[in-house]
PDB file of N, CA and C in Angstrom:
ATOM      1  N   MET A   1     132.632 -65.351-136.564  1.00  0.00           N
ATOM      2  CA  MET A   1     131.315 -65.516-135.991  1.00  0.00           C
ATOM      3  C   MET A   1     130.500 -64.256-136.287  1.00  0.00           C
ATOM      4  N   ARG A   2     129.249 -64.461-136.603  1.00  0.00           N
ATOM      5  CA  ARG A   2     128.375 -63.336-136.879  1.00  0.00           C
ATOM      6  C   ARG A   2     128.139 -62.530-135.600  1.00  0.00           C
ATOM      7  N   LYS A   3     127.990 -61.228-135.783  1.00  0.00           N
ATOM      8  CA  LYS A   3     127.857 -60.328-134.644  1.00  0.00           C
ATOM      9  C   LYS A   3     126.620 -60.638-133.799  1.00  0.00           C
ATOM     10  N   ASN A   4     125.483 -60.952-134.440  1.00  0.00           N
ATOM     11  CA  ASN A   4     124.263 -61.171-133.656  1.00  0.00           C
ATOM     12  C   ASN A   4     124.373 -62.390-132.744  1.00  0.00           C
ATOM     13  N   ILE A   5     124.899 -63.496-133.241  1.00  0.00           N
ATOM     14  CA  ILE A   5     125.026 -64.677-132.388  1.00  0.00           C
ATOM     15  C   ILE A   5     126.097 -64.451-131.327  1.00  0.00           C
ATOM     16  N   ALA A   6     127.131 -63.684-131.631  1.00  0.00           N
ATOM     17  CA  ALA A   6     128.165 -63.390-130.638  1.00  0.00           C
ATOM     18  C   ALA A   6     127.569 -62.649-129.441  1.00  0.00           C
ATOM     19  N   SER A   7     126.707 -61.687-129.679  1.00  0.00           N
ATOM     20  CA  SER A   7     126.066 -60.939-128.592  1.00  0.00           C
ATOM     21  C   SER A   7     125.137 -61.838-127.789  1.00  0.00           C
ATOM     22  N   VAL A   8     124.435 -62.728-128.463  1.00  0.00           N
ATOM     23  CA  VAL A   8     123.542 -63.664-127.783  1.00  0.00           C
ATOM     24  C   VAL A   8     124.354 -64.628-126.921  1.00  0.00           C
ATOM     25  N   ILE A   9     125.452 -65.132-127.455  1.00  0.00           N
ATOM     26  CA  ILE A   9     126.316 -66.043-126.701  1.00  0.00           C
ATOM     27  C   ILE A   9     126.888 -65.343-125.475  1.00  0.00           C
ATOM     28  N   ASP A  10     127.325 -64.094-125.633  1.00  0.00           N
ATOM     29  CA  ASP A  10     127.850 -63.344-124.485  1.00  0.00           C
ATOM     30  C   ASP A  10     126.794 -63.208-123.391  1.00  0.00           C
ATOM     31  N   ALA A  11     125.557 -62.886-123.786  1.00  0.00           N
ATOM     32  CA  ALA A  11     124.470 -62.746-122.810  1.00  0.00           C
ATOM     33  C   ALA A  11     124.160 -64.087-122.146  1.00  0.00           C
ATOM     34  N   PHE A  12     124.117 -65.151-122.925  1.00  0.00           N
ATOM     35  CA  PHE A  12     123.863 -66.499-122.391  1.00  0.00           C
ATOM     36  C   PHE A  12     124.933 -66.859-121.367  1.00  0.00           C
ATOM     37  N   HIS A  13     126.184 -66.583-121.715  1.00  0.00           N
ATOM     38  CA  HIS A  13     127.291 -66.877-120.812  1.00  0.00           C
ATOM     39  C   HIS A  13     127.135 -66.117-119.484  1.00  0.00           C
ATOM     40  N   ALA A  14     126.628 -64.890-119.552  1.00  0.00           N
ATOM     41  CA  ALA A  14     126.432 -64.063-118.363  1.00  0.00           C
ATOM     42  C   ALA A  14     125.103 -64.350-117.654  1.00  0.00           C
ATOM     43  N   GLY A  15     124.256 -65.200-118.258  1.00  0.00           N
ATOM     44  CA  GLY A  15     122.953 -65.500-117.667  1.00  0.00           C
ATOM     45  C   GLY A  15     121.946 -64.376-117.841  1.00  0.00           C
ATOM     46  N   GLU A  16     122.129 -63.580-118.892  1.00  0.00           N
ATOM     47  CA  GLU A  16     121.260 -62.427-119.146  1.00  0.00           C
ATOM     48  C   GLU A  16     120.446 -62.618-120.416  1.00  0.00           C
ATOM     49  N   SER A  17     119.382 -61.855-120.525  1.00  0.00           N
ATOM     50  CA  SER A  17     118.543 -61.889-121.727  1.00  0.00           C
ATOM     51  C   SER A  17     119.129 -60.988-122.801  1.00  0.00           C
ATOM     52  N   TYR A  18     118.940 -61.404-124.054  1.00  0.00           N
ATOM     53  CA  TYR A  18     119.351 -60.577-125.186  1.00  0.00           C
ATOM     54  C   TYR A  18     118.589 -61.067-126.414  1.00  0.00           C
ATOM     55  N   ARG A  19     118.111 -60.139-127.225  1.00  0.00           N
ATOM     56  CA  ARG A  19     117.355 -60.507-128.419  1.00  0.00           C
ATOM     57  C   ARG A  19     117.963 -59.833-129.642  1.00  0.00           C
ATOM     58  N   ASP A  20     118.120 -60.620-130.683  1.00  0.00           N
ATOM     59  CA  ASP A  20     118.562 -60.107-131.979  1.00  0.00           C
ATOM     60  C   ASP A  20     117.564 -60.581-133.014  1.00  0.00           C
ATOM     61  N   LYS A  21     117.830 -60.266-134.263  1.00  0.00           N
ATOM     62  CA  LYS A  21     116.855 -60.553-135.314  1.00  0.00           C
ATOM     63  C   LYS A  21     116.529 -62.041-135.467  1.00  0.00           C
ATOM     64  N   THR A  22     117.541 -62.891-135.531  1.00  0.00           N
ATOM     65  CA  THR A  22     117.287 -64.311-135.798  1.00  0.00           C
ATOM     66  C   THR A  22     117.556 -65.222-134.608  1.00  0.00           C
ATOM     67  N   CYS A  23     118.080 -64.667-133.520  1.00  0.00           N
ATOM     68  CA  CYS A  23     118.386 -65.499-132.357  1.00  0.00           C
ATOM     69  C   CYS A  23     118.232 -64.678-131.089  1.00  0.00           C
ATOM     70  N   HIS A  24     118.020 -65.398-129.990  1.00  0.00           N
ATOM     71  CA  HIS A  24     117.881 -64.723-128.702  1.00  0.00           C
ATOM     72  C   HIS A  24     118.153 -65.701-127.570  1.00  0.00           C
ATOM     73  N   THR A  25     118.305 -65.135-126.378  1.00  0.00           N
ATOM     74  CA  THR A  25     118.468 -65.948-125.181  1.00  0.00           C
ATOM     75  C   THR A  25     117.707 -65.311-124.032  1.00  0.00           C
ATOM     76  N   ASP A  26     117.259 -66.148-123.139  1.00  0.00           N
ATOM     77  CA  ASP A  26     116.671 -65.666-121.887  1.00  0.00           C
ATOM     78  C   ASP A  26     117.696 -65.812-120.762  1.00  0.00           C
ATOM     79  N   GLY A  27     118.924 -66.141-121.142  1.00  0.00           N
ATOM     80  CA  GLY A  27     119.995 -66.361-120.179  1.00  0.00           C
ATOM     81  C   GLY A  27     120.149 -67.818-119.787  1.00  0.00           C
ATOM     82  N   ARG A  28     119.174 -68.624-120.156  1.00  0.00           N
ATOM     83  CA  ARG A  28     119.188 -70.055-119.835  1.00  0.00           C
ATOM     84  C   ARG A  28     119.226 -70.930-121.078  1.00  0.00           C
ATOM     85  N   VAL A  29     118.578 -70.435-122.125  1.00  0.00           N
ATOM     86  CA  VAL A  29     118.452 -71.172-123.382  1.00  0.00           C
ATOM     87  C   VAL A  29     118.796 -70.217-124.517  1.00  0.00           C
ATOM     88  N   ILE A  30     119.454 -70.740-125.553  1.00  0.00           N
ATOM     89  CA  ILE A  30     119.673 -69.970-126.781  1.00  0.00           C
ATOM     90  C   ILE A  30     118.690 -70.495-127.818  1.00  0.00           C
ATOM     91  N   PHE A  31     118.004 -69.575-128.467  1.00  0.00           N
ATOM     92  CA  PHE A  31     117.035 -69.906-129.500  1.00  0.00           C
ATOM     93  C   PHE A  31     117.491 -69.374-130.847  1.00  0.00           C
ATOM     94  N   SER A  32     117.289 -70.172-131.878  1.00  0.00           N
ATOM     95  CA  SER A  32     117.424 -69.713-133.251  1.00  0.00           C
ATOM     96  C   SER A  32     115.996 -69.595-133.757  1.00  0.00           C
ATOM     97  N   TYR A  33     115.591 -68.376-134.048  1.00  0.00           N
ATOM     98  CA  TYR A  33     114.173 -68.098-134.293  1.00  0.00           C
ATOM     99  C   TYR A  33     113.433 -68.566-133.031  1.00  0.00           C
ATOM    100  N   ALA A  34     112.505 -69.493-133.116  1.00  0.00           N
ATOM    101  CA  ALA A  34     111.793 -69.960-131.915  1.00  0.00           C
ATOM    102  C   ALA A  34     112.297 -71.319-131.428  1.00  0.00           C
ATOM    103  N   MET A  35     113.279 -71.887-132.120  1.00  0.00           N
ATOM    104  CA  MET A  35     113.755 -73.229-131.793  1.00  0.00           C
ATOM    105  C   MET A  35     114.928 -73.183-130.816  1.00  0.00           C
ATOM    106  N   PRO A  36     114.827 -73.894-129.689  1.00  0.00           N
ATOM    107  CA  PRO A  36     115.964 -73.942-128.765  1.00  0.00           C
ATOM    108  C   PRO A  36     117.129 -74.695-129.403  1.00  0.00           C
ATOM    109  N   ILE A  37     118.319 -74.089-129.311  1.00  0.00           N
ATOM    110  CA  ILE A  37     119.500 -74.759-129.870  1.00  0.00           C
ATOM    111  C   ILE A  37     120.561 -75.036-128.813  1.00  0.00           C
ATOM    112  N   ALA A  38     120.434 -74.429-127.630  1.00  0.00           N
ATOM    113  CA  ALA A  38     121.398 -74.694-126.557  1.00  0.00           C
ATOM    114  C   ALA A  38     120.749 -74.405-125.214  1.00  0.00           C
ATOM    115  N   VAL A  39     121.145 -75.187-124.220  1.00  0.00           N
ATOM    116  CA  VAL A  39     120.646 -74.997-122.856  1.00  0.00           C
ATOM    117  C   VAL A  39     121.776 -75.317-121.884  1.00  0.00           C
ATOM    118  N   ARG A  40     121.826 -74.580-120.786  1.00  0.00           N
ATOM    119  CA  ARG A  40     122.834 -74.833-119.763  1.00  0.00           C
ATOM    120  C   ARG A  40     122.203 -75.634-118.628  1.00  0.00           C
ATOM    121  N   ARG A  41     122.886 -76.689-118.244  1.00  0.00           N
ATOM    122  CA  ARG A  41     122.473 -77.515-117.094  1.00  0.00           C
ATOM    123  C   ARG A  41     123.682 -77.599-116.187  1.00  0.00           C
ATOM    124  N   GLY A  42     123.653 -76.819-115.107  1.00  0.00           N
ATOM    125  CA  GLY A  42     124.828 -76.721-114.251  1.00  0.00           C
ATOM    126  C   GLY A  42     125.966 -76.082-115.032  1.00  0.00           C
ATOM    127  N   ALA A  43     127.100 -76.747-115.038  1.00  0.00           N
ATOM    128  CA  ALA A  43     128.256 -76.227-115.761  1.00  0.00           C
ATOM    129  C   ALA A  43     128.326 -76.717-117.204  1.00  0.00           C
ATOM    130  N   THR A  44     127.383 -77.567-117.600  1.00  0.00           N
ATOM    131  CA  THR A  44     127.411 -78.158-118.939  1.00  0.00           C
ATOM    132  C   THR A  44     126.428 -77.457-119.868  1.00  0.00           C
ATOM    133  N   VAL A  45     126.892 -77.169-121.078  1.00  0.00           N
ATOM    134  CA  VAL A  45     126.029 -76.607-122.114  1.00  0.00           C
ATOM    135  C   VAL A  45     125.714 -77.727-123.102  1.00  0.00           C
ATOM    136  N   TYR A  46     124.422 -77.924-123.342  1.00  0.00           N
ATOM    137  CA  TYR A  46     123.974 -78.917-124.314  1.00  0.00           C
ATOM    138  C   TYR A  46     123.530 -78.173-125.559  1.00  0.00           C
ATOM    139  N   VAL A  47     123.996 -78.648-126.711  1.00  0.00           N
ATOM    140  CA  VAL A  47     123.725 -77.975-127.976  1.00  0.00           C
ATOM    141  C   VAL A  47     123.078 -78.958-128.942  1.00  0.00           C
ATOM    142  N   LEU A  48     122.066 -78.474-129.633  1.00  0.00           N
ATOM    143  CA  LEU A  48     121.389 -79.279-130.638  1.00  0.00           C
ATOM    144  C   LEU A  48     122.370 -79.734-131.707  1.00  0.00           C
ATOM    145  N   ASP A  49     122.266 -80.981-132.140  1.00  0.00           N
ATOM    146  CA  ASP A  49     123.101 -81.490-133.228  1.00  0.00           C
ATOM    147  C   ASP A  49     122.752 -80.721-134.492  1.00  0.00           C
ATOM    148  N   SER A  50     123.759 -80.265-135.201  1.00  0.00           N
ATOM    149  CA  SER A  50     123.512 -79.452-136.398  1.00  0.00           C
ATOM    150  C   SER A  50     122.776 -80.224-137.494  1.00  0.00           C
ATOM    151  N   SER A  51     122.780 -81.553-137.424  1.00  0.00           N
ATOM    152  CA  SER A  51     122.022 -82.331-138.411  1.00  0.00           C
ATOM    153  C   SER A  51     120.516 -82.144-138.224  1.00  0.00           C
ATOM    154  N   GLU A  52     120.094 -81.631-137.054  1.00  0.00           N
ATOM    155  CA  GLU A  52     118.685 -81.351-136.770  1.00  0.00           C
ATOM    156  C   GLU A  52     118.272 -79.952-137.223  1.00  0.00           C
ATOM    157  N   SER A  53     119.225 -79.182-137.715  1.00  0.00           N
ATOM    158  CA  SER A  53     118.970 -77.794-138.081  1.00  0.00           C
ATOM    159  C   SER A  53     118.096 -77.676-139.325  1.00  0.00           C
ATOM    160  N   PRO A  54     117.090 -76.791-139.273  1.00  0.00           N
ATOM    161  CA  PRO A  54     116.220 -76.622-140.436  1.00  0.00           C
ATOM    162  C   PRO A  54     116.740 -75.620-141.462  1.00  0.00           C
ATOM    163  N   SER A  55     117.829 -74.890-141.124  1.00  0.00           N
ATOM    164  CA  SER A  55     118.300 -73.849-142.058  1.00  0.00           C
ATOM    165  C   SER A  55     119.796 -73.621-141.917  1.00  0.00           C
ATOM    166  N   GLY A  56     120.350 -72.967-142.910  1.00  0.00           N
ATOM    167  CA  GLY A  56     121.763 -72.608-142.872  1.00  0.00           C
ATOM    168  C   GLY A  56     122.069 -71.629-141.756  1.00  0.00           C
ATOM    169  N   THR A  57     121.162 -70.709-141.492  1.00  0.00           N
ATOM    170  CA  THR A  57     121.357 -69.739-140.411  1.00  0.00           C
ATOM    171  C   THR A  57     121.450 -70.457-139.072  1.00  0.00           C
ATOM    172  N   THR A  58     120.522 -71.362-138.816  1.00  0.00           N
ATOM    173  CA  THR A  58     120.535 -72.098-137.553  1.00  0.00           C
ATOM    174  C   THR A  58     121.786 -72.957-137.445  1.00  0.00           C
ATOM    175  N   THR A  59     122.191 -73.585-138.535  1.00  0.00           N
ATOM    176  CA  THR A  59     123.417 -74.390-138.527  1.00  0.00           C
ATOM    177  C   THR A  59     124.620 -73.537-138.143  1.00  0.00           C
ATOM    178  N   SER A  60     124.741 -72.344-138.712  1.00  0.00           N
ATOM    179  CA  SER A  60     125.887 -71.493-138.373  1.00  0.00           C
ATOM    180  C   SER A  60     125.809 -71.029-136.920  1.00  0.00           C
ATOM    181  N   GLN A  61     124.600 -70.810-136.394  1.00  0.00           N
ATOM    182  CA  GLN A  61     124.457 -70.428-134.997  1.00  0.00           C
ATOM    183  C   GLN A  61     124.844 -71.587-134.073  1.00  0.00           C
ATOM    184  N   ILE A  62     124.452 -72.793-134.422  1.00  0.00           N
ATOM    185  CA  ILE A  62     124.836 -73.976-133.639  1.00  0.00           C
ATOM    186  C   ILE A  62     126.352 -74.113-133.617  1.00  0.00           C
ATOM    187  N   ARG A  63     126.991 -73.955-134.763  1.00  0.00           N
ATOM    188  CA  ARG A  63     128.452 -74.055-134.835  1.00  0.00           C
ATOM    189  C   ARG A  63     129.121 -72.980-133.994  1.00  0.00           C
ATOM    190  N   ALA A  64     128.552 -71.780-133.987  1.00  0.00           N
ATOM    191  CA  ALA A  64     129.112 -70.689-133.181  1.00  0.00           C
ATOM    192  C   ALA A  64     129.016 -71.003-131.692  1.00  0.00           C
ATOM    193  N   VAL A  65     127.896 -71.573-131.265  1.00  0.00           N
ATOM    194  CA  VAL A  65     127.736 -71.946-129.856  1.00  0.00           C
ATOM    195  C   VAL A  65     128.748 -73.033-129.493  1.00  0.00           C
ATOM    196  N   LEU A  66     128.894 -74.031-130.346  1.00  0.00           N
ATOM    197  CA  LEU A  66     129.864 -75.094-130.083  1.00  0.00           C
ATOM    198  C   LEU A  66     131.283 -74.539-129.992  1.00  0.00           C
ATOM    199  N   ALA A  67     131.611 -73.574-130.834  1.00  0.00           N
ATOM    200  CA  ALA A  67     132.946 -72.967-130.801  1.00  0.00           C
ATOM    201  C   ALA A  67     133.141 -72.138-129.523  1.00  0.00           C
ATOM    202  N   ALA A  68     132.083 -71.485-129.064  1.00  0.00           N
ATOM    203  CA  ALA A  68     132.177 -70.633-127.869  1.00  0.00           C
ATOM    204  C   ALA A  68     132.259 -71.439-126.578  1.00  0.00           C
ATOM    205  N   PHE A  69     131.730 -72.657-126.603  1.00  0.00           N
ATOM    206  CA  PHE A  69     131.725 -73.520-125.420  1.00  0.00           C
ATOM    207  C   PHE A  69     132.383 -74.850-125.788  1.00  0.00           C
ATOM    208  N   PRO A  70     133.720 -74.891-125.787  1.00  0.00           N
ATOM    209  CA  PRO A  70     134.435 -76.097-126.236  1.00  0.00           C
ATOM    210  C   PRO A  70     134.052 -77.373-125.496  1.00  0.00           C
ATOM    211  N   GLY A  71     133.597 -77.271-124.263  1.00  0.00           N
ATOM    212  CA  GLY A  71     133.212 -78.456-123.503  1.00  0.00           C
ATOM    213  C   GLY A  71     131.747 -78.825-123.688  1.00  0.00           C
ATOM    214  N   ALA A  72     131.054 -78.139-124.600  1.00  0.00           N
ATOM    215  CA  ALA A  72     129.619 -78.389-124.802  1.00  0.00           C
ATOM    216  C   ALA A  72     129.388 -79.816-125.278  1.00  0.00           C
ATOM    217  N   ARG A  73     128.235 -80.332-124.900  1.00  0.00           N
ATOM    218  CA  ARG A  73     127.846 -81.674-125.327  1.00  0.00           C
ATOM    219  C   ARG A  73     126.729 -81.545-126.352  1.00  0.00           C
ATOM    220  N   THR A  74     126.761 -82.391-127.349  1.00  0.00           N
ATOM    221  CA  THR A  74     125.711 -82.393-128.358  1.00  0.00           C
ATOM    222  C   THR A  74     124.504 -83.130-127.788  1.00  0.00           C
ATOM    223  N   ALA A  75     123.348 -82.464-127.867  1.00  0.00           N
ATOM    224  CA  ALA A  75     122.125 -83.026-127.292  1.00  0.00           C
ATOM    225  C   ALA A  75     121.487 -84.062-128.205  1.00  0.00           C
ATOM    226  N   GLY A  76     121.993 -84.233-129.380  1.00  0.00           N
ATOM    227  CA  GLY A  76     121.436 -85.241-130.282  1.00  0.00           C
ATOM    228  C   GLY A  76     120.294 -84.695-131.099  1.00  0.00           C
ATOM    229  N   ASP A  77     119.100 -84.701-130.527  1.00  0.00           N
ATOM    230  CA  ASP A  77     117.951 -84.227-131.302  1.00  0.00           C
ATOM    231  C   ASP A  77     117.121 -83.245-130.484  1.00  0.00           C
ATOM    232  N   LYS A  78     116.121 -82.661-131.144  1.00  0.00           N
ATOM    233  CA  LYS A  78     115.262 -81.666-130.487  1.00  0.00           C
ATOM    234  C   LYS A  78     114.572 -82.247-129.258  1.00  0.00           C
ATOM    235  N   GLY A  79     114.166 -83.501-129.341  1.00  0.00           N
ATOM    236  CA  GLY A  79     113.483 -84.140-128.215  1.00  0.00           C
ATOM    237  C   GLY A  79     114.364 -84.204-126.980  1.00  0.00           C
ATOM    238  N   MET A  80     115.633 -84.545-127.167  1.00  0.00           N
ATOM    239  CA  MET A  80     116.544 -84.629-126.024  1.00  0.00           C
ATOM    240  C   MET A  80     116.762 -83.251-125.415  1.00  0.00           C
ATOM    241  N   LEU A  81     116.942 -82.235-126.251  1.00  0.00           N
ATOM    242  CA  LEU A  81     117.147 -80.878-125.752  1.00  0.00           C
ATOM    243  C   LEU A  81     115.901 -80.403-125.000  1.00  0.00           C
ATOM    244  N   GLN A  82     114.735 -80.690-125.543  1.00  0.00           N
ATOM    245  CA  GLN A  82     113.490 -80.292-124.875  1.00  0.00           C
ATOM    246  C   GLN A  82     113.304 -81.059-123.562  1.00  0.00           C
ATOM    247  N   SER A  83     113.746 -82.290-123.512  1.00  0.00           N
ATOM    248  CA  SER A  83     113.673 -83.074-122.284  1.00  0.00           C
ATOM    249  C   SER A  83     114.558 -82.461-121.200  1.00  0.00           C
ATOM    250  N   ILE A  84     115.749 -82.036-121.571  1.00  0.00           N
ATOM    251  CA  ILE A  84     116.647 -81.373-120.622  1.00  0.00           C
ATOM    252  C   ILE A  84     115.996 -80.088-120.121  1.00  0.00           C
ATOM    253  N   MET A  85     115.398 -79.329-121.035  1.00  0.00           N
ATOM    254  CA  MET A  85     114.730 -78.090-120.645  1.00  0.00           C
ATOM    255  C   MET A  85     113.573 -78.369-119.691  1.00  0.00           C
ATOM    256  N   ALA A  86     112.817 -79.415-119.951  1.00  0.00           N
ATOM    257  CA  ALA A  86     111.688 -79.763-119.080  1.00  0.00           C
ATOM    258  C   ALA A  86     112.181 -80.141-117.685  1.00  0.00           C
ATOM    259  N   ASP A  87     113.293 -80.876-117.610  1.00  0.00           N
ATOM    260  CA  ASP A  87     113.866 -81.245-116.318  1.00  0.00           C
ATOM    261  C   ASP A  87     114.280 -80.007-115.521  1.00  0.00           C
ATOM    262  N   LEU A  88     114.773 -79.001-116.224  1.00  0.00           N
ATOM    263  CA  LEU A  88     115.266 -77.797-115.570  1.00  0.00           C
ATOM    264  C   LEU A  88     114.161 -76.787-115.253  1.00  0.00           C
ATOM    265  N   ALA A  89     113.021 -76.900-115.906  1.00  0.00           N
ATOM    266  CA  ALA A  89     111.962 -75.892-115.803  1.00  0.00           C
ATOM    267  C   ALA A  89     111.478 -75.691-114.369  1.00  0.00           C
ATOM    268  N   GLU A  90     111.383 -76.745-113.601  1.00  0.00           N
ATOM    269  CA  GLU A  90     110.912 -76.621-112.222  1.00  0.00           C
ATOM    270  C   GLU A  90     111.872 -75.766-111.398  1.00  0.00           C
ATOM    271  N   GLY A  91     113.148 -75.988-111.566  1.00  0.00           N
ATOM    272  CA  GLY A  91     114.147 -75.178-110.859  1.00  0.00           C
ATOM    273  C   GLY A  91     114.132 -73.734-111.322  1.00  0.00           C
ATOM    274  N   TRP A  92     113.924 -73.538-112.632  1.00  0.00           N
ATOM    275  CA  TRP A  92     113.846 -72.173-113.152  1.00  0.00           C
ATOM    276  C   TRP A  92     112.650 -71.445-112.555  1.00  0.00           C
ATOM    277  N   ALA A  93     111.528 -72.130-112.427  1.00  0.00           N
ATOM    278  CA  ALA A  93     110.328 -71.504-111.858  1.00  0.00           C
ATOM    279  C   ALA A  93     110.599 -71.075-110.421  1.00  0.00           C
ATOM    280  N   ALA A  94     111.295 -71.907-109.666  1.00  0.00           N
ATOM    281  CA  ALA A  94     111.629 -71.549-108.286  1.00  0.00           C
ATOM    282  C   ALA A  94     112.570 -70.342-108.257  1.00  0.00           C
ATOM    283  N   ASP A  95     113.547 -70.301-109.163  1.00  0.00           N
ATOM    284  CA  ASP A  95     114.454 -69.153-109.245  1.00  0.00           C
ATOM    285  C   ASP A  95     113.684 -67.876-109.563  1.00  0.00           C
ATOM    286  N   ASP A  96     112.763 -67.968-110.522  1.00  0.00           N
ATOM    287  CA  ASP A  96     111.972 -66.801-110.922  1.00  0.00           C
ATOM    288  C   ASP A  96     111.113 -66.307-109.766  1.00  0.00           C
ATOM    289  N   GLU A  97     110.539 -67.245-109.018  1.00  0.00           N
ATOM    290  CA  GLU A  97     109.701 -66.880-107.875  1.00  0.00           C
ATOM    291  C   GLU A  97     110.534 -66.169-106.813  1.00  0.00           C
ATOM    292  N   CYS A  98     111.738 -66.640-106.594  1.00  0.00           N
ATOM    293  CA  CYS A  98     112.634 -66.025-105.621  1.00  0.00           C
ATOM    294  C   CYS A  98     112.990 -64.601-106.052  1.00  0.00           C
ATOM    295  N   ARG A  99     113.325 -64.423-107.327  1.00  0.00           N
ATOM    296  CA  ARG A  99     113.649 -63.084-107.838  1.00  0.00           C
ATOM    297  C   ARG A  99     112.462 -62.143-107.688  1.00  0.00           C
ATOM    298  N   ALA A 100     111.267 -62.638-107.996  1.00  0.00           N
ATOM    299  CA  ALA A 100     110.066 -61.804-107.906  1.00  0.00           C
ATOM    300  C   ALA A 100     109.797 -61.399-106.461  1.00  0.00           C
ATOM    301  N   SER A 101     110.042 -62.301-105.525  1.00  0.00           N
ATOM    302  CA  SER A 101     109.755 -61.997-104.123  1.00  0.00           C
ATOM    303  C   SER A 101     110.705 -60.946-103.558  1.00  0.00           C
ATOM    304  N   ARG A 102     111.899 -60.842-104.127  1.00  0.00           N
ATOM    305  CA  ARG A 102     112.827 -59.820-103.637  1.00  0.00           C
ATOM    306  C   ARG A 102     112.833 -58.587-104.535  1.00  0.00           C
ATOM    307  N   GLY A 103     111.911 -58.546-105.494  1.00  0.00           N
ATOM    308  CA  GLY A 103     111.799 -57.383-106.367  1.00  0.00           C
ATOM    309  C   GLY A 103     112.870 -57.340-107.437  1.00  0.00           C
ATOM    310  N   ASP A 104     113.495 -58.503-107.730  1.00  0.00           N
ATOM    311  CA  ASP A 104     114.534 -58.613-108.743  1.00  0.00           C
ATOM    312  C   ASP A 104     115.637 -57.583-108.542  1.00  0.00           C
ATOM    313  N   ARG A 105     116.069 -57.446-107.303  1.00  0.00           N
ATOM    314  CA  ARG A 105     117.142 -56.508-107.011  1.00  0.00           C
ATOM    315  C   ARG A 105     118.078 -57.133-105.991  1.00  0.00           C
ATOM    316  N   GLU A 106     119.262 -56.672-105.979  1.00  0.00           N
ATOM    317  CA  GLU A 106     120.243 -57.100-104.992  1.00  0.00           C
ATOM    318  C   GLU A 106     120.220 -56.092-103.849  1.00  0.00           C
ATOM    319  N   ASP A 107     120.465 -56.544-102.636  1.00  0.00           N
ATOM    320  CA  ASP A 107     120.572 -55.621-101.513  1.00  0.00           C
ATOM    321  C   ASP A 107     121.842 -54.803-101.666  1.00  0.00           C
ATOM    322  N   PHE A 108     121.785 -53.573-101.219  1.00  0.00           N
ATOM    323  CA  PHE A 108     122.950 -52.733-101.308  1.00  0.00           C
ATOM    324  C   PHE A 108     122.991 -51.810-100.091  1.00  0.00           C
ATOM    325  N   HIS A 109     124.152 -51.246 -99.845  1.00  0.00           N
ATOM    326  CA  HIS A 109     124.337 -50.306 -98.755  1.00  0.00           C
ATOM    327  C   HIS A 109     124.748 -48.964 -99.332  1.00  0.00           C
ATOM    328  N   ALA A 110     124.005 -47.942 -99.014  1.00  0.00           N
ATOM    329  CA  ALA A 110     124.345 -46.597 -99.476  1.00  0.00           C
ATOM    330  C   ALA A 110     125.355 -45.978 -98.533  1.00  0.00           C
ATOM    331  N   ASP A 111     126.312 -45.274 -99.104  1.00  0.00           N
ATOM    332  CA  ASP A 111     127.283 -44.561 -98.280  1.00  0.00           C
ATOM    333  C   ASP A 111     126.620 -43.324 -97.680  1.00  0.00           C
ATOM    334  N   GLY A 112     127.051 -42.948 -96.492  1.00  0.00           N
ATOM    335  CA  GLY A 112     126.565 -41.681 -95.960  1.00  0.00           C
ATOM    336  C   GLY A 112     125.890 -41.841 -94.714  1.00  0.00           C
TER     337      GLY A 112
END
């Protein structure tokens, strides 16, 4: 697996953002260039069918995601993946609002 997609997959798995030259994640979606290729819905990862890939780079990134998440489901086409993302967007907005209201920090207790 190429190093850049491996780092993106690790960040996606952890729910964190990471950007590399040809791919990136916001922790919820993996993008190849600007095209979403994977999204997590609950415990399931949906991955774009590699037949929808516009390039060899994107195809290899899709294959890497499928290898990293053996239980992943193929989303079929871009429309289906975008539909899943649209369904999840409302919940993501609520999560973002919650993080913003608490200052994007966890409570902690200082010793002393």
